[in-house]
Amino acid sequence: MKNLGGLMKQAQKLQAKMAQMQEELGHRTVSAQAGGGMVEATVNGRQELLALRIDPEVASPDDVDMLQDLILAAVNEALNRSREMVAQEMSKLTGGMSLPGLF
């Protein structure tokens, strides 16, 4: 029973650290560009899209498909970078141990 109590305390500490990390990651951002910088997406550590910048030169009504592709590429890359950032921070917190379903 003594070991169980210690394990519960460790779990509570880890949970508190994770909550603090989630809060901090919500304030950290990453960006990605597509089309040589014509489209830029910025997301936070909660994988929320915060900003999308589109160069007016690429916003042609004659080539909407290209603009859509650039937006998708920029947003998806920014989301990938955000997930990598979260995974790195989680790894620091868990000592490299993978905890499925947490993030």
PDB file of N, CA and C in Angstrom:
ATOM      1  N   MET A   1       0.810  -1.200   0.000  1.00  0.00           N
ATOM      2  CA  MET A   1       0.000   0.000   0.000  1.00  0.00           C
ATOM      3  C   MET A   1       0.853   1.263   0.000  1.00  0.00           C
ATOM      4  N   LYS A   2       2.024   1.174   0.651  1.00  0.00           N
ATOM      5  CA  LYS A   2       2.911   2.333   0.727  1.00  0.00           C
ATOM      6  C   LYS A   2       3.361   2.753  -0.676  1.00  0.00           C
ATOM      7  N   ASN A   3       3.695   1.771  -1.520  1.00  0.00           N
ATOM      8  CA  ASN A   3       4.122   2.062  -2.886  1.00  0.00           C
ATOM      9  C   ASN A   3       2.996   2.666  -3.705  1.00  0.00           C
ATOM     10  N   LEU A   4       1.775   2.233  -3.467  1.00  0.00           N
ATOM     11  CA  LEU A   4       0.624   2.758  -4.194  1.00  0.00           C
ATOM     12  C   LEU A   4       0.419   4.240  -3.877  1.00  0.00           C
ATOM     13  N   GLY A   5       0.584   4.607  -2.619  1.00  0.00           N
ATOM     14  CA  GLY A   5       0.449   6.016  -2.230  1.00  0.00           C
ATOM     15  C   GLY A   5       1.500   6.879  -2.901  1.00  0.00           C
ATOM     16  N   GLY A   6       2.735   6.388  -2.961  1.00  0.00           N
ATOM     17  CA  GLY A   6       3.802   7.128  -3.639  1.00  0.00           C
ATOM     18  C   GLY A   6       3.543   7.249  -5.125  1.00  0.00           C
ATOM     19  N   LEU A   7       3.025   6.205  -5.714  1.00  0.00           N
ATOM     20  CA  LEU A   7       2.706   6.221  -7.143  1.00  0.00           C
ATOM     21  C   LEU A   7       1.600   7.232  -7.433  1.00  0.00           C
ATOM     22  N   MET A   8       0.613   7.295  -6.560  1.00  0.00           N
ATOM     23  CA  MET A   8      -0.485   8.254  -6.733  1.00  0.00           C
ATOM     24  C   MET A   8       0.029   9.690  -6.635  1.00  0.00           C
ATOM     25  N   LYS A   9       0.947   9.943  -5.690  1.00  0.00           N
ATOM     26  CA  LYS A   9       1.519  11.290  -5.569  1.00  0.00           C
ATOM     27  C   LYS A   9       2.294  11.669  -6.826  1.00  0.00           C
ATOM     28  N   GLN A  10       3.051  10.719  -7.356  1.00  0.00           N
ATOM     29  CA  GLN A  10       3.806  10.982  -8.581  1.00  0.00           C
ATOM     30  C   GLN A  10       2.856  11.266  -9.740  1.00  0.00           C
ATOM     31  N   ALA A  11       1.772  10.515  -9.826  1.00  0.00           N
ATOM     32  CA  ALA A  11       0.790  10.717 -10.892  1.00  0.00           C
ATOM     33  C   ALA A  11       0.153  12.094 -10.774  1.00  0.00           C
ATOM     34  N   GLN A  12      -0.134  12.533  -9.561  1.00  0.00           N
ATOM     35  CA  GLN A  12      -0.728  13.854  -9.352  1.00  0.00           C
ATOM     36  C   GLN A  12       0.250  14.960  -9.736  1.00  0.00           C
ATOM     37  N   LYS A  13       1.530  14.781  -9.401  1.00  0.00           N
ATOM     38  CA  LYS A  13       2.544  15.762  -9.779  1.00  0.00           C
ATOM     39  C   LYS A  13       2.662  15.847 -11.294  1.00  0.00           C
ATOM     40  N   LEU A  14       2.679  14.691 -11.949  1.00  0.00           N
ATOM     41  CA  LEU A  14       2.769  14.653 -13.405  1.00  0.00           C
ATOM     42  C   LEU A  14       1.555  15.330 -14.028  1.00  0.00           C
ATOM     43  N   GLN A  15       0.384  15.090 -13.491  1.00  0.00           N
ATOM     44  CA  GLN A  15      -0.834  15.700 -13.998  1.00  0.00           C
ATOM     45  C   GLN A  15      -0.773  17.224 -13.863  1.00  0.00           C
ATOM     46  N   ALA A  16      -0.288  17.717 -12.749  1.00  0.00           N
ATOM     47  CA  ALA A  16      -0.165  19.164 -12.543  1.00  0.00           C
ATOM     48  C   ALA A  16       0.841  19.766 -13.513  1.00  0.00           C
ATOM     49  N   LYS A  17       1.964  19.079 -13.723  1.00  0.00           N
ATOM     50  CA  LYS A  17       2.971  19.564 -14.667  1.00  0.00           C
ATOM     51  C   LYS A  17       2.424  19.572 -16.086  1.00  0.00           C
ATOM     52  N   MET A  18       1.636  18.564 -16.427  1.00  0.00           N
ATOM     53  CA  MET A  18       1.055  18.503 -17.760  1.00  0.00           C
ATOM     54  C   MET A  18       0.065  19.644 -17.977  1.00  0.00           C
ATOM     55  N   ALA A  19      -0.735  19.953 -16.982  1.00  0.00           N
ATOM     56  CA  ALA A  19      -1.687  21.061 -17.090  1.00  0.00           C
ATOM     57  C   ALA A  19      -0.945  22.374 -17.290  1.00  0.00           C
ATOM     58  N   GLN A  20       0.145  22.557 -16.551  1.00  0.00           N
ATOM     59  CA  GLN A  20       0.946  23.769 -16.696  1.00  0.00           C
ATOM     60  C   GLN A  20       1.572  23.830 -18.091  1.00  0.00           C
ATOM     61  N   MET A  21       2.064  22.688 -18.582  1.00  0.00           N
ATOM     62  CA  MET A  21       2.670  22.651 -19.904  1.00  0.00           C
ATOM     63  C   MET A  21       1.638  22.971 -20.986  1.00  0.00           C
ATOM     64  N   GLN A  22       0.424  22.437 -20.853  1.00  0.00           N
ATOM     65  CA  GLN A  22      -0.621  22.720 -21.832  1.00  0.00           C
ATOM     66  C   GLN A  22      -0.916  24.212 -21.884  1.00  0.00           C
ATOM     67  N   GLU A  23      -0.956  24.841 -20.720  1.00  0.00           N
ATOM     68  CA  GLU A  23      -1.196  26.284 -20.662  1.00  0.00           C
ATOM     69  C   GLU A  23      -0.067  27.036 -21.380  1.00  0.00           C
ATOM     70  N   GLU A  24       1.167  26.651 -21.097  1.00  0.00           N
ATOM     71  CA  GLU A  24       2.315  27.310 -21.724  1.00  0.00           C
ATOM     72  C   GLU A  24       2.327  27.091 -23.236  1.00  0.00           C
ATOM     73  N   LEU A  25       2.016  25.875 -23.671  1.00  0.00           N
ATOM     74  CA  LEU A  25       2.012  25.583 -25.106  1.00  0.00           C
ATOM     75  C   LEU A  25       0.924  26.350 -25.837  1.00  0.00           C
ATOM     76  N   GLY A  26      -0.132  26.684 -25.148  1.00  0.00           N
ATOM     77  CA  GLY A  26      -1.183  27.488 -25.760  1.00  0.00           C
ATOM     78  C   GLY A  26      -0.713  28.881 -26.125  1.00  0.00           C
ATOM     79  N   HIS A  27       0.376  29.318 -25.501  1.00  0.00           N
ATOM     80  CA  HIS A  27       0.922  30.649 -25.778  1.00  0.00           C
ATOM     81  C   HIS A  27       2.101  30.608 -26.748  1.00  0.00           C
ATOM     82  N   ARG A  28       2.583  29.412 -27.055  1.00  0.00           N
ATOM     83  CA  ARG A  28       3.701  29.283 -27.994  1.00  0.00           C
ATOM     84  C   ARG A  28       3.154  29.063 -29.395  1.00  0.00           C
ATOM     85  N   THR A  29       3.807  29.656 -30.375  1.00  0.00           N
ATOM     86  CA  THR A  29       3.336  29.541 -31.751  1.00  0.00           C
ATOM     87  C   THR A  29       4.428  29.028 -32.672  1.00  0.00           C
ATOM     88  N   VAL A  30       3.998  28.439 -33.763  1.00  0.00           N
ATOM     89  CA  VAL A  30       4.884  28.038 -34.848  1.00  0.00           C
ATOM     90  C   VAL A  30       4.216  28.467 -36.148  1.00  0.00           C
ATOM     91  N   SER A  31       5.029  28.728 -37.149  1.00  0.00           N
ATOM     92  CA  SER A  31       4.511  29.136 -38.451  1.00  0.00           C
ATOM     93  C   SER A  31       5.120  28.280 -39.541  1.00  0.00           C
ATOM     94  N   ALA A  32       4.404  28.218 -40.644  1.00  0.00           N
ATOM     95  CA  ALA A  32       4.906  27.513 -41.827  1.00  0.00           C
ATOM     96  C   ALA A  32       4.439  28.277 -43.052  1.00  0.00           C
ATOM     97  N   GLN A  33       5.258  28.199 -44.102  1.00  0.00           N
ATOM     98  CA  GLN A  33       4.957  28.902 -45.338  1.00  0.00           C
ATOM     99  C   GLN A  33       4.817  27.921 -46.486  1.00  0.00           C
ATOM    100  N   ALA A  34       4.098  28.364 -47.506  1.00  0.00           N
ATOM    101  CA  ALA A  34       3.976  27.597 -48.737  1.00  0.00           C
ATOM    102  C   ALA A  34       4.080  28.570 -49.906  1.00  0.00           C
ATOM    103  N   GLY A  35       4.473  28.039 -51.051  1.00  0.00           N
ATOM    104  CA  GLY A  35       4.580  28.884 -52.234  1.00  0.00           C
ATOM    105  C   GLY A  35       5.656  29.939 -52.105  1.00  0.00           C
ATOM    106  N   GLY A  36       6.767  29.577 -51.489  1.00  0.00           N
ATOM    107  CA  GLY A  36       7.859  30.530 -51.337  1.00  0.00           C
ATOM    108  C   GLY A  36       7.492  31.710 -50.455  1.00  0.00           C
ATOM    109  N   GLY A  37       6.618  31.481 -49.473  1.00  0.00           N
ATOM    110  CA  GLY A  37       6.233  32.546 -48.551  1.00  0.00           C
ATOM    111  C   GLY A  37       4.976  33.283 -48.964  1.00  0.00           C
ATOM    112  N   MET A  38       4.336  32.837 -50.033  1.00  0.00           N
ATOM    113  CA  MET A  38       3.113  33.503 -50.494  1.00  0.00           C
ATOM    114  C   MET A  38       1.951  33.291 -49.516  1.00  0.00           C
ATOM    115  N   VAL A  39       1.971  32.164 -48.819  1.00  0.00           N
ATOM    116  CA  VAL A  39       0.950  31.869 -47.810  1.00  0.00           C
ATOM    117  C   VAL A  39       1.681  31.454 -46.534  1.00  0.00           C
ATOM    118  N   GLU A  40       1.273  32.013 -45.405  1.00  0.00           N
ATOM    119  CA  GLU A  40       1.874  31.661 -44.125  1.00  0.00           C
ATOM    120  C   GLU A  40       0.777  31.393 -43.103  1.00  0.00           C
ATOM    121  N   ALA A  41       0.899  30.264 -42.405  1.00  0.00           N
ATOM    122  CA  ALA A  41      -0.058  29.896 -41.359  1.00  0.00           C
ATOM    123  C   ALA A  41       0.669  29.865 -40.020  1.00  0.00           C
ATOM    124  N   THR A  42       0.002  30.349 -38.986  1.00  0.00           N
ATOM    125  CA  THR A  42       0.544  30.342 -37.629  1.00  0.00           C
ATOM    126  C   THR A  42      -0.437  29.615 -36.724  1.00  0.00           C
ATOM    127  N   VAL A  43       0.072  28.623 -35.992  1.00  0.00           N
ATOM    128  CA  VAL A  43      -0.762  27.863 -35.052  1.00  0.00           C
ATOM    129  C   VAL A  43      -0.089  27.858 -33.686  1.00  0.00           C
ATOM    130  N   ASN A  44      -0.874  27.540 -32.655  1.00  0.00           N
ATOM    131  CA  ASN A  44      -0.300  27.462 -31.314  1.00  0.00           C
ATOM    132  C   ASN A  44      -0.141  25.999 -30.909  1.00  0.00           C
ATOM    133  N   GLY A  45       0.322  25.792 -29.692  1.00  0.00           N
ATOM    134  CA  GLY A  45       0.555  24.448 -29.189  1.00  0.00           C
ATOM    135  C   GLY A  45      -0.704  23.649 -28.923  1.00  0.00           C
ATOM    136  N   ARG A  46      -1.849  24.285 -29.047  1.00  0.00           N
ATOM    137  CA  ARG A  46      -3.129  23.574 -28.940  1.00  0.00           C
ATOM    138  C   ARG A  46      -3.658  23.195 -30.314  1.00  0.00           C
ATOM    139  N   GLN A  47      -2.835  23.379 -31.341  1.00  0.00           N
ATOM    140  CA  GLN A  47      -3.182  23.121 -32.729  1.00  0.00           C
ATOM    141  C   GLN A  47      -4.361  23.978 -33.196  1.00  0.00           C
ATOM    142  N   GLU A  48      -4.395  25.231 -32.732  1.00  0.00           N
ATOM    143  CA  GLU A  48      -5.400  26.190 -33.163  1.00  0.00           C
ATOM    144  C   GLU A  48      -4.765  27.122 -34.189  1.00  0.00           C
ATOM    145  N   LEU A  49      -5.430  27.311 -35.306  1.00  0.00           N
ATOM    146  CA  LEU A  49      -4.954  28.242 -36.321  1.00  0.00           C
ATOM    147  C   LEU A  49      -5.185  29.658 -35.808  1.00  0.00           C
ATOM    148  N   LEU A  50      -4.097  30.412 -35.656  1.00  0.00           N
ATOM    149  CA  LEU A  50      -4.187  31.768 -35.111  1.00  0.00           C
ATOM    150  C   LEU A  50      -4.154  32.837 -36.188  1.00  0.00           C
ATOM    151  N   ALA A  51      -3.407  32.576 -37.251  1.00  0.00           N
ATOM    152  CA  ALA A  51      -3.270  33.582 -38.298  1.00  0.00           C
ATOM    153  C   ALA A  51      -3.018  32.899 -39.637  1.00  0.00           C
ATOM    154  N   LEU A  52      -3.503  33.541 -40.676  1.00  0.00           N
ATOM    155  CA  LEU A  52      -3.271  33.079 -42.032  1.00  0.00           C
ATOM    156  C   LEU A  52      -2.991  34.316 -42.877  1.00  0.00           C
ATOM    157  N   ARG A  53      -1.776  34.389 -43.413  1.00  0.00           N
ATOM    158  CA  ARG A  53      -1.396  35.537 -44.240  1.00  0.00           C
ATOM    159  C   ARG A  53      -1.296  35.073 -45.685  1.00  0.00           C
ATOM    160  N   ILE A  54      -1.962  35.800 -46.569  1.00  0.00           N
ATOM    161  CA  ILE A  54      -1.945  35.474 -47.992  1.00  0.00           C
ATOM    162  C   ILE A  54      -1.444  36.702 -48.752  1.00  0.00           C
ATOM    163  N   ASP A  55      -0.381  36.508 -49.516  1.00  0.00           N
ATOM    164  CA  ASP A  55       0.152  37.584 -50.339  1.00  0.00           C
ATOM    165  C   ASP A  55      -0.891  37.915 -51.413  1.00  0.00           C
ATOM    166  N   PRO A  56      -1.239  39.184 -51.575  1.00  0.00           N
ATOM    167  CA  PRO A  56      -2.258  39.555 -52.563  1.00  0.00           C
ATOM    168  C   PRO A  56      -1.951  39.070 -53.984  1.00  0.00           C
ATOM    169  N   GLU A  57      -0.674  38.905 -54.305  1.00  0.00           N
ATOM    170  CA  GLU A  57      -0.313  38.447 -55.653  1.00  0.00           C
ATOM    171  C   GLU A  57      -0.837  37.050 -55.957  1.00  0.00           C
ATOM    172  N   VAL A  58      -0.995  36.223 -54.938  1.00  0.00           N
ATOM    173  CA  VAL A  58      -1.434  34.848 -55.155  1.00  0.00           C
ATOM    174  C   VAL A  58      -2.962  34.728 -55.085  1.00  0.00           C
ATOM    175  N   ALA A  59      -3.632  35.787 -54.703  1.00  0.00           N
ATOM    176  CA  ALA A  59      -5.089  35.769 -54.561  1.00  0.00           C
ATOM    177  C   ALA A  59      -5.769  36.136 -55.874  1.00  0.00           C
ATOM    178  N   SER A  60      -5.520  35.353 -56.897  1.00  0.00           N
ATOM    179  CA  SER A  60      -6.106  35.594 -58.214  1.00  0.00           C
ATOM    180  C   SER A  60      -7.384  34.776 -58.374  1.00  0.00           C
ATOM    181  N   PRO A  61      -8.460  35.404 -58.790  1.00  0.00           N
ATOM    182  CA  PRO A  61      -9.697  34.652 -59.012  1.00  0.00           C
ATOM    183  C   PRO A  61      -9.566  33.637 -60.155  1.00  0.00           C
ATOM    184  N   ASP A  62      -8.523  33.796 -60.954  1.00  0.00           N
ATOM    185  CA  ASP A  62      -8.305  32.875 -62.076  1.00  0.00           C
ATOM    186  C   ASP A  62      -7.653  31.562 -61.644  1.00  0.00           C
ATOM    187  N   ASP A  63      -7.078  31.524 -60.443  1.00  0.00           N
ATOM    188  CA  ASP A  63      -6.397  30.304 -60.003  1.00  0.00           C
ATOM    189  C   ASP A  63      -6.695  30.017 -58.533  1.00  0.00           C
ATOM    190  N   VAL A  64      -7.957  29.831 -58.232  1.00  0.00           N
ATOM    191  CA  VAL A  64      -8.392  29.553 -56.873  1.00  0.00           C
ATOM    192  C   VAL A  64      -7.845  28.217 -56.387  1.00  0.00           C
ATOM    193  N   ASP A  65      -7.743  27.240 -57.281  1.00  0.00           N
ATOM    194  CA  ASP A  65      -7.233  25.920 -56.897  1.00  0.00           C
ATOM    195  C   ASP A  65      -5.822  26.006 -56.328  1.00  0.00           C
ATOM    196  N   MET A  66      -4.963  26.805 -56.967  1.00  0.00           N
ATOM    197  CA  MET A  66      -3.600  26.948 -56.474  1.00  0.00           C
ATOM    198  C   MET A  66      -3.597  27.586 -55.084  1.00  0.00           C
ATOM    199  N   LEU A  67      -4.409  28.614 -54.896  1.00  0.00           N
ATOM    200  CA  LEU A  67      -4.482  29.277 -53.591  1.00  0.00           C
ATOM    201  C   LEU A  67      -4.952  28.298 -52.516  1.00  0.00           C
ATOM    202  N   GLN A  68      -5.955  27.497 -52.831  1.00  0.00           N
ATOM    203  CA  GLN A  68      -6.435  26.511 -51.876  1.00  0.00           C
ATOM    204  C   GLN A  68      -5.341  25.507 -51.523  1.00  0.00           C
ATOM    205  N   ASP A  69      -4.596  25.057 -52.511  1.00  0.00           N
ATOM    206  CA  ASP A  69      -3.495  24.116 -52.274  1.00  0.00           C
ATOM    207  C   ASP A  69      -2.416  24.727 -51.382  1.00  0.00           C
ATOM    208  N   LEU A  70      -2.089  25.995 -51.637  1.00  0.00           N
ATOM    209  CA  LEU A  70      -1.074  26.667 -50.820  1.00  0.00           C
ATOM    210  C   LEU A  70      -1.545  26.829 -49.370  1.00  0.00           C
ATOM    211  N   ILE A  71      -2.815  27.160 -49.199  1.00  0.00           N
ATOM    212  CA  ILE A  71      -3.358  27.307 -47.844  1.00  0.00           C
ATOM    213  C   ILE A  71      -3.303  25.970 -47.113  1.00  0.00           C
ATOM    214  N   LEU A  72      -3.750  24.912 -47.773  1.00  0.00           N
ATOM    215  CA  LEU A  72      -3.707  23.587 -47.148  1.00  0.00           C
ATOM    216  C   LEU A  72      -2.280  23.194 -46.783  1.00  0.00           C
ATOM    217  N   ALA A  73      -1.346  23.426 -47.680  1.00  0.00           N
ATOM    218  CA  ALA A  73       0.049  23.058 -47.424  1.00  0.00           C
ATOM    219  C   ALA A  73       0.605  23.826 -46.229  1.00  0.00           C
ATOM    220  N   ALA A  74       0.353  25.126 -46.164  1.00  0.00           N
ATOM    221  CA  ALA A  74       0.877  25.943 -45.072  1.00  0.00           C
ATOM    222  C   ALA A  74       0.244  25.545 -43.736  1.00  0.00           C
ATOM    223  N   VAL A  75      -1.068  25.359 -43.723  1.00  0.00           N
ATOM    224  CA  VAL A  75      -1.759  25.004 -42.478  1.00  0.00           C
ATOM    225  C   VAL A  75      -1.320  23.626 -42.004  1.00  0.00           C
ATOM    226  N   ASN A  76      -1.266  22.658 -42.899  1.00  0.00           N
ATOM    227  CA  ASN A  76      -0.864  21.308 -42.499  1.00  0.00           C
ATOM    228  C   ASN A  76       0.570  21.268 -41.982  1.00  0.00           C
ATOM    229  N   GLU A  77       1.466  22.000 -42.606  1.00  0.00           N
ATOM    230  CA  GLU A  77       2.853  22.027 -42.132  1.00  0.00           C
ATOM    231  C   GLU A  77       2.945  22.714 -40.772  1.00  0.00           C
ATOM    232  N   ALA A  78       2.195  23.792 -40.582  1.00  0.00           N
ATOM    233  CA  ALA A  78       2.197  24.469 -39.284  1.00  0.00           C
ATOM    234  C   ALA A  78       1.650  23.543 -38.191  1.00  0.00           C
ATOM    235  N   LEU A  79       0.603  22.794 -38.505  1.00  0.00           N
ATOM    236  CA  LEU A  79       0.053  21.839 -37.539  1.00  0.00           C
ATOM    237  C   LEU A  79       1.068  20.744 -37.217  1.00  0.00           C
ATOM    238  N   ASN A  80       1.776  20.256 -38.234  1.00  0.00           N
ATOM    239  CA  ASN A  80       2.818  19.248 -37.996  1.00  0.00           C
ATOM    240  C   ASN A  80       3.899  19.789 -37.076  1.00  0.00           C
ATOM    241  N   ARG A  81       4.318  21.017 -37.315  1.00  0.00           N
ATOM    242  CA  ARG A  81       5.346  21.634 -36.469  1.00  0.00           C
ATOM    243  C   ARG A  81       4.844  21.804 -35.037  1.00  0.00           C
ATOM    244  N   SER A  82       3.581  22.152 -34.896  1.00  0.00           N
ATOM    245  CA  SER A  82       3.003  22.302 -33.564  1.00  0.00           C
ATOM    246  C   SER A  82       2.978  20.963 -32.836  1.00  0.00           C
ATOM    247  N   ARG A  83       2.583  19.907 -33.534  1.00  0.00           N
ATOM    248  CA  ARG A  83       2.562  18.577 -32.916  1.00  0.00           C
ATOM    249  C   ARG A  83       3.969  18.153 -32.506  1.00  0.00           C
ATOM    250  N   GLU A  84       4.959  18.468 -33.342  1.00  0.00           N
ATOM    251  CA  GLU A  84       6.352  18.148 -32.999  1.00  0.00           C
ATOM    252  C   GLU A  84       6.791  18.908 -31.749  1.00  0.00           C
ATOM    253  N   MET A  85       6.410  20.171 -31.668  1.00  0.00           N
ATOM    254  CA  MET A  85       6.752  20.990 -30.506  1.00  0.00           C
ATOM    255  C   MET A  85       6.139  20.380 -29.238  1.00  0.00           C
ATOM    256  N   VAL A  86       4.876  19.980 -29.317  1.00  0.00           N
ATOM    257  CA  VAL A  86       4.201  19.380 -28.174  1.00  0.00           C
ATOM    258  C   VAL A  86       4.874  18.058 -27.798  1.00  0.00           C
ATOM    259  N   ALA A  87       5.211  17.249 -28.801  1.00  0.00           N
ATOM    260  CA  ALA A  87       5.856  15.957 -28.528  1.00  0.00           C
ATOM    261  C   ALA A  87       7.200  16.152 -27.839  1.00  0.00           C
ATOM    262  N   GLN A  88       7.964  17.159 -28.268  1.00  0.00           N
ATOM    263  CA  GLN A  88       9.254  17.435 -27.635  1.00  0.00           C
ATOM    264  C   GLN A  88       9.074  17.842 -26.178  1.00  0.00           C
ATOM    265  N   GLU A  89       8.089  18.682 -25.916  1.00  0.00           N
ATOM    266  CA  GLU A  89       7.851  19.128 -24.548  1.00  0.00           C
ATOM    267  C   GLU A  89       7.342  17.970 -23.689  1.00  0.00           C
ATOM    268  N   MET A  90       6.492  17.138 -24.251  1.00  0.00           N
ATOM    269  CA  MET A  90       6.002  15.967 -23.509  1.00  0.00           C
ATOM    270  C   MET A  90       7.154  15.023 -23.180  1.00  0.00           C
ATOM    271  N   SER A  91       8.058  14.863 -24.129  1.00  0.00           N
ATOM    272  CA  SER A  91       9.204  13.985 -23.925  1.00  0.00           C
ATOM    273  C   SER A  91      10.051  14.475 -22.756  1.00  0.00           C
ATOM    274  N   LYS A  92      10.209  15.786 -22.647  1.00  0.00           N
ATOM    275  CA  LYS A  92      10.955  16.350 -21.518  1.00  0.00           C
ATOM    276  C   LYS A  92      10.249  16.043 -20.200  1.00  0.00           C
ATOM    277  N   LEU A  93       8.939  16.121 -20.228  1.00  0.00           N
ATOM    278  CA  LEU A  93       8.146  15.932 -19.018  1.00  0.00           C
ATOM    279  C   LEU A  93       8.101  14.468 -18.590  1.00  0.00           C
ATOM    280  N   THR A  94       8.023  13.568 -19.568  1.00  0.00           N
ATOM    281  CA  THR A  94       7.867  12.145 -19.254  1.00  0.00           C
ATOM    282  C   THR A  94       9.178  11.381 -19.321  1.00  0.00           C
ATOM    283  N   GLY A  95      10.277  12.091 -19.549  1.00  0.00           N
ATOM    284  CA  GLY A  95      11.570  11.431 -19.633  1.00  0.00           C
ATOM    285  C   GLY A  95      11.692  10.538 -20.856  1.00  0.00           C
ATOM    286  N   GLY A  96      11.001  10.907 -21.927  1.00  0.00           N
ATOM    287  CA  GLY A  96      11.076  10.145 -23.174  1.00  0.00           C
ATOM    288  C   GLY A  96      10.095   8.990 -23.233  1.00  0.00           C
ATOM    289  N   MET A  97       9.388   8.746 -22.153  1.00  0.00           N
ATOM    290  CA  MET A  97       8.429   7.642 -22.120  1.00  0.00           C
ATOM    291  C   MET A  97       7.169   8.073 -22.876  1.00  0.00           C
ATOM    292  N   SER A  98       6.706   7.242 -23.793  1.00  0.00           N
ATOM    293  CA  SER A  98       5.510   7.543 -24.578  1.00  0.00           C
ATOM    294  C   SER A  98       4.265   7.190 -23.775  1.00  0.00           C
ATOM    295  N   LEU A  99       3.374   8.168 -23.648  1.00  0.00           N
ATOM    296  CA  LEU A  99       2.119   7.948 -22.941  1.00  0.00           C
ATOM    297  C   LEU A  99       0.976   8.161 -23.933  1.00  0.00           C
ATOM    298  N   PRO A 100       0.488   7.090 -24.555  1.00  0.00           N
ATOM    299  CA  PRO A 100      -0.532   7.211 -25.601  1.00  0.00           C
ATOM    300  C   PRO A 100      -1.795   7.903 -25.083  1.00  0.00           C
ATOM    301  N   GLY A 101      -2.370   8.715 -25.968  1.00  0.00           N
ATOM    302  CA  GLY A 101      -3.639   9.349 -25.657  1.00  0.00           C
ATOM    303  C   GLY A 101      -3.543  10.643 -24.876  1.00  0.00           C
ATOM    304  N   LEU A 102      -2.343  11.047 -24.485  1.00  0.00           N
ATOM    305  CA  LEU A 102      -2.240  12.294 -23.723  1.00  0.00           C
ATOM    306  C   LEU A 102      -2.240  13.503 -24.632  1.00  0.00           C
ATOM    307  N   PHE A 103      -1.575  13.395 -25.768  1.00  0.00           N
ATOM    308  CA  PHE A 103      -1.529  14.503 -26.736  1.00  0.00           C
ATOM    309  C   PHE A 103      -1.579  13.935 -28.109  1.00  0.00           C
TER     310      PHE A 103
END
